[in-house]
N, C-alpha and C. Protein backbone atom coordinates (compact mmCIF):
# COMPACT_ATOMS: atom_id res chain seq x y z
N UNK A 1 -58.44 -173.59 -198.37
CA UNK A 1 -57.41 -174.25 -198.56
C UNK A 1 -57.21 -175.24 -197.40
N UNK A 2 -56.64 -176.50 -198.10
CA UNK A 2 -56.33 -177.68 -197.41
C UNK A 2 -55.18 -177.52 -196.77
N UNK A 3 -54.79 -178.56 -195.93
CA UNK A 3 -53.29 -178.58 -195.23
C UNK A 3 -51.95 -178.66 -196.57
N UNK A 4 -52.34 -179.33 -197.24
CA UNK A 4 -51.45 -179.59 -198.49
C UNK A 4 -51.09 -178.33 -199.23
N UNK A 5 -52.20 -177.42 -199.34
CA UNK A 5 -51.75 -176.36 -200.28
C UNK A 5 -50.92 -175.74 -199.14
N UNK A 6 -51.44 -175.49 -197.76
CA UNK A 6 -50.37 -174.63 -197.05
C UNK A 6 -48.99 -175.38 -196.85
N UNK A 7 -48.92 -176.45 -197.02
CA UNK A 7 -47.51 -177.25 -196.86
C UNK A 7 -46.85 -176.80 -198.21
N UNK A 8 -47.58 -176.84 -199.01
CA UNK A 8 -46.66 -176.11 -200.58
C UNK A 8 -46.53 -174.53 -200.49
N UNK A 9 -47.42 -173.95 -200.03
CA UNK A 9 -47.22 -172.59 -199.96
C UNK A 9 -46.14 -172.49 -198.79
N UNK A 10 -45.88 -172.77 -197.91
CA UNK A 10 -44.77 -172.60 -197.11
C UNK A 10 -43.30 -173.55 -197.75
N UNK A 11 -43.32 -174.35 -198.08
CA UNK A 11 -42.30 -174.76 -198.99
C UNK A 11 -41.86 -173.97 -200.06
N UNK A 12 -42.66 -173.10 -200.76
CA UNK A 12 -42.25 -172.49 -201.73
C UNK A 12 -41.68 -171.06 -201.17
N UNK A 13 -41.99 -170.71 -199.85
CA UNK A 13 -41.70 -169.36 -199.38
C UNK A 13 -40.35 -169.89 -198.59
N UNK A 14 -40.31 -170.92 -198.05
CA UNK A 14 -39.11 -171.14 -197.43
C UNK A 14 -37.52 -171.86 -198.31
N UNK A 15 -38.19 -172.14 -199.51
CA UNK A 15 -36.97 -172.31 -200.82
C UNK A 15 -35.60 -171.32 -200.46
N UNK A 16 -34.60 -172.07 -200.44
CA UNK A 16 -33.35 -171.58 -200.31
C UNK A 16 -32.70 -170.60 -199.12
N UNK A 17 -33.76 -170.60 -198.25
CA UNK A 17 -33.58 -169.96 -196.91
C UNK A 17 -32.56 -171.74 -196.25
N UNK A 18 -31.49 -171.21 -195.65
CA UNK A 18 -30.55 -171.75 -194.72
C UNK A 18 -30.77 -171.52 -193.13
N UNK A 19 -30.70 -172.64 -192.31
CA UNK A 19 -31.00 -172.57 -191.08
C UNK A 19 -29.43 -171.88 -190.44
N UNK A 20 -29.73 -171.17 -189.65
CA UNK A 20 -28.27 -170.33 -188.79
C UNK A 20 -27.87 -171.40 -188.16
N UNK A 21 -26.11 -171.10 -188.23
CA UNK A 21 -25.56 -172.01 -187.54
C UNK A 21 -25.23 -171.76 -186.35
N UNK A 22 -25.81 -173.03 -185.14
CA UNK A 22 -26.05 -172.24 -183.56
C UNK A 22 -24.89 -172.44 -182.89
N UNK A 23 -23.86 -171.65 -183.16
CA UNK A 23 -22.47 -171.36 -182.35
C UNK A 23 -22.48 -170.30 -181.39
N UNK A 24 -23.78 -169.76 -181.27
CA UNK A 24 -23.53 -168.73 -180.02
C UNK A 24 -23.37 -169.21 -178.46
N UNK A 25 -22.94 -169.22 -177.83
CA UNK A 25 -22.89 -169.56 -176.20
C UNK A 25 -23.94 -168.55 -175.71
N UNK A 26 -24.04 -167.35 -176.09
CA UNK A 26 -24.92 -166.62 -175.43
C UNK A 26 -26.36 -166.12 -176.07
N UNK A 27 -27.11 -166.30 -175.51
CA UNK A 27 -28.51 -165.66 -175.77
C UNK A 27 -29.19 -164.65 -175.41
N UNK A 28 -28.98 -163.57 -176.28
CA UNK A 28 -29.51 -162.42 -175.94
C UNK A 28 -31.10 -162.18 -175.80
N UNK A 29 -31.70 -161.84 -174.85
CA UNK A 29 -33.20 -161.93 -174.82
C UNK A 29 -33.51 -160.49 -175.19
N UNK A 30 -33.00 -159.43 -175.22
CA UNK A 30 -33.63 -158.31 -175.01
C UNK A 30 -32.51 -157.60 -176.04
N UNK A 31 -33.04 -157.01 -177.18
CA UNK A 31 -32.24 -156.04 -178.06
C UNK A 31 -31.74 -154.47 -177.21
N UNK A 32 -30.65 -153.92 -177.09
CA UNK A 32 -30.19 -152.75 -176.75
C UNK A 32 -29.89 -151.98 -177.73
N UNK A 33 -30.77 -150.78 -177.72
CA UNK A 33 -30.84 -149.89 -178.97
C UNK A 33 -29.15 -149.15 -178.79
N UNK A 34 -29.07 -149.15 -177.68
CA UNK A 34 -27.53 -148.35 -177.41
C UNK A 34 -26.28 -149.06 -177.22
N UNK A 35 -26.46 -150.37 -177.40
CA UNK A 35 -25.21 -151.20 -177.46
C UNK A 35 -24.22 -150.68 -177.76
N UNK A 36 -22.76 -150.90 -177.29
CA UNK A 36 -21.73 -150.66 -177.42
C UNK A 36 -21.09 -151.68 -178.43
N UNK A 37 -19.85 -151.39 -178.96
CA UNK A 37 -19.35 -152.55 -179.60
C UNK A 37 -19.01 -153.61 -179.18
N UNK A 38 -19.35 -154.63 -179.61
CA UNK A 38 -19.09 -156.07 -179.28
C UNK A 38 -17.75 -156.73 -179.55
N UNK A 39 -17.00 -156.59 -178.03
CA UNK A 39 -15.54 -157.04 -178.16
C UNK A 39 -15.41 -158.34 -179.07
N UNK A 40 -14.04 -158.24 -179.97
CA UNK A 40 -13.60 -159.16 -180.52
C UNK A 40 -13.08 -160.09 -179.52
N UNK A 41 -13.47 -161.35 -180.02
CA UNK A 41 -12.67 -162.77 -179.13
C UNK A 41 -10.76 -162.17 -178.72
N UNK A 42 -10.36 -161.82 -179.60
CA UNK A 42 -8.97 -161.44 -179.20
C UNK A 42 -8.93 -160.32 -177.97
N UNK A 43 -9.86 -159.42 -178.01
CA UNK A 43 -10.12 -158.49 -177.14
C UNK A 43 -10.21 -158.85 -175.68
N UNK A 44 -11.16 -159.98 -175.59
CA UNK A 44 -11.58 -160.61 -174.40
C UNK A 44 -10.78 -161.32 -173.94
N UNK A 45 -9.84 -161.81 -174.83
CA UNK A 45 -8.58 -163.22 -174.62
C UNK A 45 -7.48 -162.07 -173.76
N UNK A 46 -7.47 -160.24 -174.00
CA UNK A 46 -6.73 -159.94 -173.46
C UNK A 46 -6.74 -159.41 -172.02
N UNK A 47 -7.88 -159.56 -172.03
CA UNK A 47 -8.57 -159.57 -170.41
C UNK A 47 -8.15 -160.51 -169.47
N UNK A 48 -7.53 -160.29 -168.41
CA UNK A 48 -7.18 -161.66 -167.79
C UNK A 48 -8.41 -162.22 -167.09
N UNK A 49 -8.65 -163.25 -166.97
CA UNK A 49 -9.46 -164.52 -166.49
C UNK A 49 -9.23 -164.37 -165.01
N UNK A 50 -9.98 -163.82 -163.91
CA UNK A 50 -9.66 -163.76 -162.47
C UNK A 50 -9.95 -164.94 -162.07
N UNK A 51 -10.78 -166.00 -162.64
CA UNK A 51 -11.71 -166.86 -161.94
C UNK A 51 -10.74 -168.12 -161.37
N UNK A 52 -11.03 -168.62 -160.50
CA UNK A 52 -10.08 -169.40 -159.76
C UNK A 52 -11.02 -170.98 -159.60
N UNK A 53 -10.22 -171.95 -159.75
CA UNK A 53 -10.52 -173.36 -159.94
C UNK A 53 -9.99 -173.96 -158.51
N UNK A 54 -9.02 -172.99 -157.67
CA UNK A 54 -8.67 -173.60 -156.49
C UNK A 54 -9.67 -174.27 -155.66
N UNK A 55 -9.04 -174.42 -154.29
CA UNK A 55 -10.38 -175.15 -153.32
C UNK A 55 -11.79 -174.59 -153.58
N UNK A 56 -12.46 -175.58 -153.73
CA UNK A 56 -14.00 -175.45 -153.55
C UNK A 56 -14.80 -175.94 -152.57
N UNK A 57 -15.27 -174.99 -151.89
CA UNK A 57 -16.60 -175.45 -150.86
C UNK A 57 -17.55 -175.86 -151.51
N UNK A 58 -18.15 -177.31 -151.68
CA UNK A 58 -19.25 -177.66 -152.43
C UNK A 58 -20.59 -177.11 -151.44
N UNK A 59 -21.40 -176.48 -152.04
CA UNK A 59 -22.66 -176.08 -151.59
C UNK A 59 -23.46 -177.33 -151.61
N UNK A 60 -24.23 -177.58 -150.46
CA UNK A 60 -25.45 -178.70 -150.62
C UNK A 60 -26.55 -178.45 -151.32
N UNK A 61 -26.63 -179.57 -152.25
CA UNK A 61 -27.50 -179.22 -153.32
C UNK A 61 -28.93 -178.81 -153.09
N UNK A 62 -29.29 -179.24 -151.59
CA UNK A 62 -30.57 -178.83 -151.56
C UNK A 62 -30.74 -177.55 -151.26
N UNK A 63 -29.45 -176.55 -150.89
CA UNK A 63 -29.23 -175.38 -150.51
C UNK A 63 -29.38 -174.09 -151.74
N UNK A 64 -30.44 -173.29 -151.90
CA UNK A 64 -30.44 -172.24 -152.79
C UNK A 64 -29.60 -171.46 -152.64
N UNK A 65 -29.06 -170.71 -153.79
CA UNK A 65 -27.79 -169.95 -154.21
C UNK A 65 -28.87 -168.70 -153.75
N UNK A 66 -27.82 -167.58 -153.37
CA UNK A 66 -28.19 -166.53 -152.69
C UNK A 66 -27.13 -165.50 -152.12
N UNK A 67 -27.03 -164.34 -152.79
CA UNK A 67 -25.95 -163.42 -152.52
C UNK A 67 -26.24 -162.25 -152.64
N UNK A 68 -25.68 -161.15 -151.87
CA UNK A 68 -25.67 -159.83 -152.50
C UNK A 68 -24.33 -159.40 -151.66
N UNK A 69 -23.83 -158.44 -152.48
CA UNK A 69 -22.59 -157.61 -152.03
C UNK A 69 -23.35 -156.81 -150.73
N UNK A 70 -22.14 -156.37 -150.14
CA UNK A 70 -22.27 -155.39 -149.15
C UNK A 70 -23.02 -154.26 -149.52
N UNK A 71 -23.90 -153.11 -149.14
CA UNK A 71 -24.39 -152.42 -149.70
C UNK A 71 -25.27 -152.37 -150.65
N UNK A 72 -25.53 -153.46 -151.17
CA UNK A 72 -26.85 -153.97 -151.95
C UNK A 72 -28.24 -153.77 -151.09
N UNK A 73 -29.19 -153.36 -151.40
CA UNK A 73 -30.60 -153.25 -150.61
C UNK A 73 -31.03 -154.58 -150.55
N UNK A 74 -31.67 -155.39 -149.73
CA UNK A 74 -31.99 -156.37 -149.59
C UNK A 74 -33.55 -156.31 -150.40
N UNK A 75 -34.26 -155.20 -150.91
CA UNK A 75 -35.09 -155.21 -151.83
C UNK A 75 -34.65 -155.82 -153.13
N UNK A 76 -33.72 -155.51 -153.75
CA UNK A 76 -32.96 -155.77 -154.90
C UNK A 76 -32.62 -157.39 -154.97
N UNK A 77 -32.26 -157.77 -153.78
CA UNK A 77 -32.36 -159.32 -153.77
C UNK A 77 -33.63 -159.91 -153.79
N UNK A 78 -34.70 -159.47 -153.38
CA UNK A 78 -35.93 -159.86 -152.98
C UNK A 78 -36.53 -159.99 -154.52
N UNK A 79 -36.59 -158.93 -155.16
CA UNK A 79 -37.27 -158.86 -156.75
C UNK A 79 -36.42 -159.59 -157.59
N UNK A 80 -34.81 -159.98 -157.27
CA UNK A 80 -34.40 -160.78 -158.17
C UNK A 80 -34.32 -162.23 -157.77
N UNK A 81 -34.76 -162.84 -156.68
CA UNK A 81 -35.53 -163.97 -155.94
C UNK A 81 -36.39 -164.14 -156.73
N UNK A 82 -37.43 -163.26 -157.02
CA UNK A 82 -38.91 -163.40 -157.58
C UNK A 82 -38.94 -163.45 -158.76
N UNK A 83 -38.03 -163.10 -159.60
CA UNK A 83 -37.51 -162.82 -160.92
C UNK A 83 -38.53 -161.74 -161.60
N UNK A 84 -38.74 -160.63 -160.84
CA UNK A 84 -39.02 -159.40 -161.45
C UNK A 84 -38.24 -158.88 -162.10
N UNK A 85 -37.07 -158.74 -162.45
CA UNK A 85 -36.25 -158.08 -163.41
C UNK A 85 -36.29 -158.66 -164.63
N UNK A 86 -36.28 -157.93 -165.84
CA UNK A 86 -36.37 -158.69 -167.24
C UNK A 86 -35.02 -159.20 -167.46
N UNK A 87 -35.07 -160.41 -167.84
CA UNK A 87 -33.62 -161.12 -168.19
C UNK A 87 -33.29 -160.43 -169.59
N UNK A 88 -31.86 -160.09 -169.83
CA UNK A 88 -31.30 -159.54 -170.79
C UNK A 88 -30.87 -160.25 -171.57
N UNK A 89 -29.79 -161.70 -171.26
CA UNK A 89 -29.19 -162.36 -171.64
C UNK A 89 -28.81 -163.81 -170.83
N UNK A 90 -28.85 -164.88 -171.38
CA UNK A 90 -28.46 -165.98 -170.47
C UNK A 90 -27.58 -166.94 -171.13
N UNK A 91 -26.68 -167.91 -170.20
CA UNK A 91 -25.68 -168.59 -170.64
C UNK A 91 -25.96 -170.05 -170.25
N UNK A 92 -25.87 -171.21 -171.10
CA UNK A 92 -25.92 -172.35 -170.83
C UNK A 92 -24.64 -173.10 -170.68
N UNK A 93 -24.51 -173.44 -168.89
CA UNK A 93 -23.49 -174.04 -168.83
C UNK A 93 -23.41 -175.71 -168.52
N UNK A 94 -24.70 -176.44 -168.86
CA UNK A 94 -25.27 -177.83 -168.61
C UNK A 94 -23.98 -178.58 -169.60
N UNK A 95 -23.82 -179.76 -168.59
CA UNK A 95 -22.38 -180.91 -168.94
C UNK A 95 -21.55 -180.23 -169.74
N UNK A 96 -21.03 -179.17 -169.25
CA UNK A 96 -19.62 -178.84 -170.00
C UNK A 96 -18.62 -178.99 -168.71
N UNK A 97 -17.12 -179.26 -169.07
CA UNK A 97 -16.35 -179.20 -168.29
C UNK A 97 -16.19 -177.86 -167.41
N UNK A 98 -15.39 -178.12 -166.23
CA UNK A 98 -15.13 -176.76 -165.29
C UNK A 98 -14.30 -176.05 -165.62
N UNK A 99 -13.61 -176.07 -166.65
CA UNK A 99 -12.69 -175.24 -167.06
C UNK A 99 -13.30 -174.72 -168.31
N UNK A 100 -14.27 -175.16 -168.74
CA UNK A 100 -14.85 -174.53 -170.30
C UNK A 100 -16.07 -173.46 -169.38
N UNK A 101 -16.69 -173.87 -168.38
CA UNK A 101 -17.56 -173.06 -167.84
C UNK A 101 -16.74 -172.01 -167.45
N UNK A 102 -15.53 -172.14 -166.48
CA UNK A 102 -14.86 -170.91 -165.95
C UNK A 102 -14.69 -169.94 -167.37
N UNK A 103 -13.90 -169.95 -168.47
CA UNK A 103 -13.76 -169.01 -169.33
C UNK A 103 -14.86 -168.64 -169.86
N UNK A 104 -16.40 -169.52 -170.14
CA UNK A 104 -17.42 -168.89 -170.73
C UNK A 104 -17.98 -168.01 -169.78
N UNK A 105 -17.77 -168.44 -168.62
CA UNK A 105 -19.13 -167.32 -167.47
C UNK A 105 -18.19 -166.08 -167.37
N UNK A 106 -16.74 -166.24 -167.65
CA UNK A 106 -16.05 -165.30 -167.58
C UNK A 106 -16.17 -163.70 -169.06
N UNK A 107 -15.85 -164.79 -169.95
CA UNK A 107 -16.58 -163.85 -171.21
C UNK A 107 -17.53 -163.63 -171.28
N UNK A 108 -18.85 -164.55 -170.51
CA UNK A 108 -20.16 -164.10 -170.76
C UNK A 108 -20.35 -162.48 -169.90
N UNK A 109 -19.66 -162.64 -168.49
CA UNK A 109 -19.96 -161.33 -167.52
C UNK A 109 -19.54 -160.41 -168.54
N UNK A 110 -18.26 -160.24 -168.73
CA UNK A 110 -17.19 -159.24 -169.58
C UNK A 110 -18.44 -158.71 -170.52
N UNK A 111 -18.76 -159.46 -171.38
CA UNK A 111 -19.35 -158.99 -172.79
C UNK A 111 -20.69 -158.46 -171.81
N UNK A 112 -21.55 -158.86 -171.12
CA UNK A 112 -22.66 -158.38 -170.66
C UNK A 112 -22.44 -156.84 -170.15
N UNK A 113 -21.33 -156.79 -169.57
CA UNK A 113 -20.92 -155.46 -169.03
C UNK A 113 -20.52 -154.44 -169.80
N UNK A 114 -20.01 -154.72 -170.93
CA UNK A 114 -19.92 -154.35 -171.99
C UNK A 114 -21.07 -153.72 -172.80
N UNK A 115 -21.89 -154.47 -173.04
CA UNK A 115 -22.98 -154.28 -173.71
C UNK A 115 -24.29 -153.29 -172.52
N UNK A 116 -23.49 -152.94 -171.18
CA UNK A 116 -24.61 -152.19 -170.48
C UNK A 116 -25.64 -153.19 -169.79
N UNK A 117 -25.71 -154.70 -169.73
CA UNK A 117 -26.88 -155.39 -169.53
C UNK A 117 -26.76 -155.48 -168.08
N UNK A 118 -27.84 -155.63 -167.53
CA UNK A 118 -28.22 -155.53 -165.95
C UNK A 118 -28.56 -156.99 -165.26
N UNK A 119 -29.30 -157.73 -166.07
CA UNK A 119 -29.82 -158.66 -165.34
C UNK A 119 -29.75 -159.90 -166.29
N UNK A 120 -28.91 -161.00 -165.81
CA UNK A 120 -28.69 -162.24 -166.55
C UNK A 120 -29.08 -163.67 -165.88
N UNK A 121 -29.47 -164.56 -166.71
CA UNK A 121 -29.51 -165.72 -166.44
C UNK A 121 -28.45 -167.03 -166.88
N UNK A 122 -28.03 -167.70 -165.50
CA UNK A 122 -27.34 -168.48 -165.96
C UNK A 122 -27.59 -170.13 -165.53
N UNK A 123 -27.28 -170.90 -166.61
CA UNK A 123 -28.45 -172.14 -166.56
C UNK A 123 -27.08 -173.02 -166.28
N UNK A 124 -26.92 -173.82 -164.96
CA UNK A 124 -25.94 -174.60 -164.55
C UNK A 124 -26.50 -175.94 -163.90
N UNK A 125 -27.65 -176.26 -164.18
CA UNK A 125 -28.24 -177.74 -163.95
C UNK A 125 -28.42 -178.02 -162.50
N UNK A 126 -28.81 -179.13 -161.84
CA UNK A 126 -29.06 -179.99 -160.73
C UNK A 126 -28.83 -180.92 -160.48
N UNK A 127 -28.01 -181.01 -159.76
CA UNK A 127 -27.74 -182.43 -159.45
C UNK A 127 -28.45 -182.93 -158.35
N UNK A 128 -28.47 -184.13 -158.20
CA UNK A 128 -29.29 -185.21 -157.05
C UNK A 128 -28.39 -185.43 -155.92
N UNK A 129 -27.18 -185.22 -155.64
CA UNK A 129 -26.10 -185.16 -154.56
C UNK A 129 -25.27 -184.47 -154.81
N UNK A 130 -24.42 -183.99 -153.56
CA UNK A 130 -23.64 -182.82 -153.62
C UNK A 130 -22.52 -183.13 -154.58
N UNK A 131 -21.87 -184.33 -154.78
CA UNK A 131 -20.75 -184.52 -155.66
C UNK A 131 -21.07 -184.77 -157.13
N UNK A 132 -22.44 -184.60 -157.40
CA UNK A 132 -22.76 -184.25 -159.01
C UNK A 132 -22.00 -183.15 -159.65
N UNK A 133 -22.00 -183.79 -160.79
CA UNK A 133 -21.15 -182.67 -161.82
C UNK A 133 -21.91 -181.69 -162.09
N UNK A 134 -23.16 -181.31 -161.99
CA UNK A 134 -24.16 -180.30 -161.85
C UNK A 134 -24.00 -179.27 -160.57
N UNK A 135 -24.08 -180.29 -159.59
CA UNK A 135 -23.66 -179.40 -158.32
C UNK A 135 -22.10 -179.00 -157.97
N UNK A 136 -21.34 -179.67 -158.87
CA UNK A 136 -19.84 -178.99 -158.63
C UNK A 136 -20.05 -177.69 -159.40
N UNK A 137 -20.61 -177.99 -160.56
CA UNK A 137 -20.32 -176.62 -161.52
C UNK A 137 -21.13 -175.54 -160.76
N UNK A 138 -22.39 -175.87 -160.31
CA UNK A 138 -23.48 -174.76 -159.63
C UNK A 138 -22.57 -174.25 -158.31
N UNK A 139 -21.74 -174.80 -157.70
CA UNK A 139 -20.98 -174.44 -156.47
C UNK A 139 -19.73 -173.65 -157.15
N UNK A 140 -19.03 -173.95 -158.12
CA UNK A 140 -18.18 -173.18 -159.03
C UNK A 140 -18.69 -171.74 -159.17
N UNK A 141 -19.85 -171.71 -160.37
CA UNK A 141 -20.78 -170.71 -160.32
C UNK A 141 -20.69 -169.73 -159.09
N UNK A 142 -21.08 -170.14 -158.28
CA UNK A 142 -21.48 -169.36 -156.85
C UNK A 142 -20.04 -168.73 -156.47
N UNK A 143 -18.98 -169.72 -156.40
CA UNK A 143 -17.97 -168.96 -156.18
C UNK A 143 -17.48 -167.97 -157.23
N UNK A 144 -17.53 -168.12 -158.40
CA UNK A 144 -16.65 -167.42 -159.29
C UNK A 144 -18.00 -166.01 -159.44
N UNK A 145 -18.88 -166.14 -159.25
CA UNK A 145 -19.74 -164.95 -159.20
C UNK A 145 -19.51 -164.00 -158.29
N UNK A 146 -19.00 -164.67 -157.09
CA UNK A 146 -18.40 -163.84 -155.68
C UNK A 146 -17.08 -162.66 -156.13
N UNK A 147 -16.50 -163.59 -156.99
CA UNK A 147 -14.84 -162.94 -157.29
C UNK A 147 -15.01 -161.94 -158.39
N UNK A 148 -16.30 -161.62 -158.99
CA UNK A 148 -16.44 -160.76 -159.98
C UNK A 148 -17.11 -159.44 -159.17
N UNK A 149 -16.43 -158.23 -159.32
CA UNK A 149 -16.59 -156.94 -158.67
C UNK A 149 -17.97 -156.69 -159.19
N UNK A 150 -18.27 -156.91 -160.68
CA UNK A 150 -19.55 -156.40 -161.52
C UNK A 150 -20.69 -156.80 -160.84
N UNK A 151 -20.51 -158.09 -160.14
CA UNK A 151 -21.74 -158.60 -159.89
C UNK A 151 -22.51 -158.06 -158.42
N UNK A 152 -23.45 -157.79 -158.37
CA UNK A 152 -24.27 -156.92 -157.44
C UNK A 152 -24.90 -158.17 -156.71
N UNK A 153 -25.38 -158.90 -157.20
CA UNK A 153 -26.33 -159.90 -156.57
C UNK A 153 -26.61 -161.18 -157.13
N UNK A 154 -26.87 -162.37 -156.80
CA UNK A 154 -27.25 -163.64 -157.53
C UNK A 154 -28.30 -164.46 -156.50
N UNK A 155 -29.05 -165.06 -157.33
CA UNK A 155 -30.38 -165.85 -156.62
C UNK A 155 -30.73 -166.95 -157.45
N UNK A 156 -31.29 -167.84 -156.84
CA UNK A 156 -31.85 -169.03 -157.69
C UNK A 156 -32.66 -168.57 -158.46
N UNK A 157 -33.16 -169.25 -159.48
CA UNK A 157 -34.12 -168.95 -160.51
C UNK A 157 -35.51 -169.27 -159.95
N UNK A 158 -36.50 -168.67 -160.57
CA UNK A 158 -38.15 -169.57 -160.39
C UNK A 158 -38.19 -170.21 -161.42
N UNK A 159 -39.01 -171.11 -161.14
CA UNK A 159 -39.29 -172.44 -161.57
C UNK A 159 -39.61 -172.21 -163.00
N UNK A 160 -40.07 -171.27 -163.59
CA UNK A 160 -40.60 -170.76 -165.31
C UNK A 160 -38.78 -170.70 -165.73
N UNK A 161 -37.90 -170.01 -165.17
CA UNK A 161 -36.69 -170.02 -165.61
C UNK A 161 -35.43 -171.19 -165.65
N UNK A 162 -35.79 -172.13 -164.90
CA UNK A 162 -34.96 -173.42 -164.58
C UNK A 162 -34.90 -173.64 -163.35
N UNK A 163 -35.60 -172.59 -162.24
CA UNK A 163 -35.60 -173.27 -160.91
C UNK A 163 -34.08 -173.64 -160.22
N UNK A 164 -34.11 -174.49 -159.79
CA UNK A 164 -32.83 -174.60 -158.83
C UNK A 164 -31.71 -174.88 -159.75
N UNK A 165 -32.02 -175.44 -160.81
CA UNK A 165 -31.06 -175.71 -162.03
C UNK A 165 -30.45 -174.25 -162.59
N UNK A 166 -30.51 -173.33 -162.41
CA UNK A 166 -30.27 -172.01 -162.61
C UNK A 166 -30.25 -170.86 -161.90
N UNK A 167 -29.52 -169.80 -162.00
CA UNK A 167 -29.72 -168.34 -161.15
C UNK A 167 -29.56 -167.14 -161.93
N UNK A 168 -30.39 -166.16 -161.30
CA UNK A 168 -30.20 -164.81 -161.72
C UNK A 168 -29.03 -164.27 -161.23
N UNK A 169 -28.37 -163.07 -162.03
CA UNK A 169 -27.74 -162.20 -161.61
C UNK A 169 -27.68 -161.24 -162.09
N UNK A 170 -27.31 -160.35 -161.07
CA UNK A 170 -27.81 -158.79 -161.08
C UNK A 170 -26.03 -158.01 -161.11
N UNK A 171 -25.85 -157.34 -162.67
CA UNK A 171 -24.86 -156.47 -162.64
C UNK A 171 -24.67 -155.04 -161.90
N UNK A 172 -23.99 -154.57 -161.66
CA UNK A 172 -23.88 -153.28 -161.26
C UNK A 172 -23.69 -152.45 -162.50
N UNK A 173 -24.09 -151.19 -162.64
CA UNK A 173 -24.12 -150.30 -163.86
C UNK A 173 -22.95 -150.03 -164.32
N UNK A 174 -22.73 -150.19 -165.65
CA UNK A 174 -21.57 -149.85 -166.07
C UNK A 174 -20.97 -148.11 -165.78
N UNK A 175 -19.58 -147.87 -165.96
CA UNK A 175 -19.63 -146.37 -165.68
C UNK A 175 -20.39 -145.99 -166.97
N UNK A 176 -20.31 -146.08 -168.08
CA UNK A 176 -20.96 -145.36 -168.84
C UNK A 176 -22.33 -145.65 -168.55
N UNK A 177 -23.06 -146.50 -168.37
CA UNK A 177 -24.48 -145.91 -167.91
C UNK A 177 -24.78 -145.21 -166.86
N UNK A 178 -23.74 -145.22 -165.68
CA UNK A 178 -23.63 -144.29 -164.53
C UNK A 178 -23.91 -142.82 -165.03
N UNK A 179 -23.04 -142.81 -165.96
CA UNK A 179 -22.82 -141.26 -166.75
C UNK A 179 -23.95 -140.70 -167.48
N UNK A 180 -24.81 -141.74 -168.24
CA UNK A 180 -26.02 -141.27 -169.19
C UNK A 180 -26.95 -141.27 -168.25
N UNK A 181 -27.08 -142.09 -167.26
CA UNK A 181 -28.09 -141.75 -166.01
C UNK A 181 -28.08 -140.53 -165.52
N UNK A 182 -26.74 -140.14 -165.03
CA UNK A 182 -26.50 -138.92 -164.22
C UNK A 182 -26.66 -137.52 -165.31
N UNK A 183 -26.58 -138.27 -166.31
CA UNK A 183 -26.66 -136.58 -167.20
C UNK A 183 -28.13 -136.80 -167.52
N UNK A 184 -28.99 -137.89 -167.58
CA UNK A 184 -30.45 -137.55 -167.92
C UNK A 184 -30.98 -137.17 -166.81
N UNK A 185 -30.46 -137.43 -165.74
CA UNK A 185 -31.18 -136.83 -164.55
C UNK A 185 -30.99 -135.24 -164.28
N UNK A 186 -29.60 -134.93 -164.56
CA UNK A 186 -29.13 -133.75 -164.22
C UNK A 186 -30.11 -132.74 -165.55
N UNK A 187 -30.41 -132.89 -166.87
CA UNK A 187 -31.36 -132.25 -167.34
C UNK A 187 -32.64 -131.82 -167.17
N UNK A 188 -32.99 -133.26 -165.87
CA UNK A 188 -34.53 -132.53 -165.56
C UNK A 188 -34.46 -131.73 -164.33
N UNK A 189 -33.36 -131.81 -163.41
CA UNK A 189 -33.41 -130.91 -162.61
C UNK A 189 -33.14 -129.49 -163.00
N UNK A 190 -32.93 -129.12 -163.94
CA UNK A 190 -32.37 -127.95 -164.54
C UNK A 190 -33.25 -126.87 -164.45
């Protein structure tokens, strides 16, 4: 079989196939077998976005992002920083206005929590100076993630996942996931 035959066969097989519209802002990297109902846009709109755009302390562009809530073990942050947790979803904020980033980040974290996702990737970009747009977005992302109680920790991504232009986010277990985990372990202890 030559390459023309391959091309013809491929064209025949692909006849009538329509490309998917690329309107998703979120890319799910791992399917969930026990995914809860995806909230409708109007349901998410009802939840008040608590993320603020008031005073921003710009983080030096050379300083890596790093944060963990009190009570979170250092080992969790270390594994997150090394990219050892499997990523379940990602959000791309490159070249978007601040307000759009604020809205998309809030919806992204809200949906991830409802889907019982634990490890996320946020792509914010990396600027070459402190006042570059990418560094402003990066600084806002760090500020906003600290404002959300669902966030356990976040850290700069490893190079294969975007390096200084992205960050890993670890979410707390949802109440539903905690209950399921408790039930699973309670059955084993009987």
